[in-house]
Amino acid sequence: MTSNAVQQVQEDMGLIARGEEIDLPWSRLRVLLDYGLVEIGTPVLLGGPLAGSRTSISWTDEGMRFMGQAS
């Protein structure tokens, strides 16, 4: 990846970590999926005001290593 692409991926991974991925464009999400940095899980059941079934996006082990979070 180019340095610009790495920076964009890091920003997008941060959005996912904060739960703000709703505005993440599909083209950028595809990059994360193609590199194996995230995975899509469905359904995830939520309670409270967001009650119901939702799709979740989470970091993979590779994504954690990429972000320096692996032990």
Protein backbone atom coordinates (compact mmCIF):
# COMPACT_ATOMS: atom_id res chain seq x y z
CA MET A 1 0.00 0.00 0.00
CA THR A 2 1.11 3.55 -0.62
CA SER A 3 1.57 5.84 2.37
CA ASN A 4 -1.65 7.68 1.48
CA ALA A 5 -3.54 4.38 1.32
CA VAL A 6 -2.10 3.28 4.68
CA GLN A 7 -3.22 6.54 6.28
CA GLN A 8 -6.75 6.16 4.86
CA VAL A 9 -6.94 2.55 6.04
CA GLN A 10 -5.83 3.56 9.54
CA GLU A 11 -8.49 6.27 9.64
CA ASP A 12 -11.16 3.83 8.45
CA MET A 13 -10.08 1.22 11.00
CA GLY A 14 -10.41 3.93 13.67
CA LEU A 15 -13.97 4.65 12.51
CA ILE A 16 -14.82 0.98 12.94
CA ALA A 17 -13.19 0.82 16.38
CA ARG A 18 -15.32 3.79 17.50
CA GLY A 19 -18.49 2.31 15.99
CA GLU A 20 -18.77 5.13 13.45
CA GLU A 21 -18.58 2.99 10.31
CA ILE A 22 -22.11 3.87 9.16
CA ASP A 23 -20.77 6.62 6.87
CA LEU A 24 -17.86 4.54 5.54
CA PRO A 25 -18.20 4.33 1.74
CA TRP A 26 -18.47 0.82 0.29
CA SER A 27 -15.38 1.39 -1.89
CA ARG A 28 -13.21 1.99 1.20
CA LEU A 29 -14.82 -0.85 3.16
CA ARG A 30 -13.99 -3.17 0.24
CA VAL A 31 -10.29 -2.28 0.60
CA LEU A 32 -10.39 -3.32 4.26
CA LEU A 33 -12.15 -6.56 3.34
CA ASP A 34 -9.76 -7.29 0.47
CA TYR A 35 -6.73 -6.94 2.74
CA GLY A 36 -8.41 -9.13 5.38
CA LEU A 37 -8.35 -6.36 7.99
CA VAL A 38 -12.06 -6.53 8.86
CA GLU A 39 -14.90 -9.00 8.72
CA ILE A 40 -18.64 -8.60 8.50
CA GLY A 41 -20.72 -10.47 11.07
CA THR A 42 -24.47 -10.86 10.93
CA PRO A 43 -26.75 -10.82 12.77
CA VAL A 44 -25.69 -9.10 15.94
CA LEU A 45 -28.50 -8.56 18.42
CA LEU A 46 -28.55 -5.22 20.20
CA GLY A 47 -30.62 -3.99 23.11
CA GLY A 48 -31.73 -0.59 24.33
CA PRO A 49 -32.68 2.14 21.90
CA LEU A 50 -30.89 0.29 19.07
CA ALA A 51 -32.72 -2.97 19.77
CA GLY A 52 -32.86 -5.43 16.95
CA SER A 53 -30.63 -7.30 14.56
CA ARG A 54 -27.74 -5.46 12.92
CA THR A 55 -24.73 -6.23 10.78
CA SER A 56 -21.43 -5.70 12.54
CA ILE A 57 -17.99 -4.90 11.17
CA SER A 58 -15.06 -5.91 13.33
CA TRP A 59 -11.30 -6.09 13.09
CA THR A 60 -9.72 -9.43 12.22
CA ASP A 61 -6.50 -10.66 13.82
CA GLU A 62 -4.68 -9.29 10.77
CA GLY A 63 -6.40 -5.94 11.30
CA MET A 64 -5.31 -5.90 14.92
CA ARG A 65 -1.70 -6.56 13.86
CA PHE A 66 -1.94 -3.82 11.21
CA MET A 67 -3.09 -1.34 13.86
CA GLY A 68 -0.43 -2.47 16.33
CA GLN A 69 -2.95 -3.94 18.76
CA ALA A 70 -1.87 -7.59 18.63
CA SER A 71 -0.02 -9.03 21.59
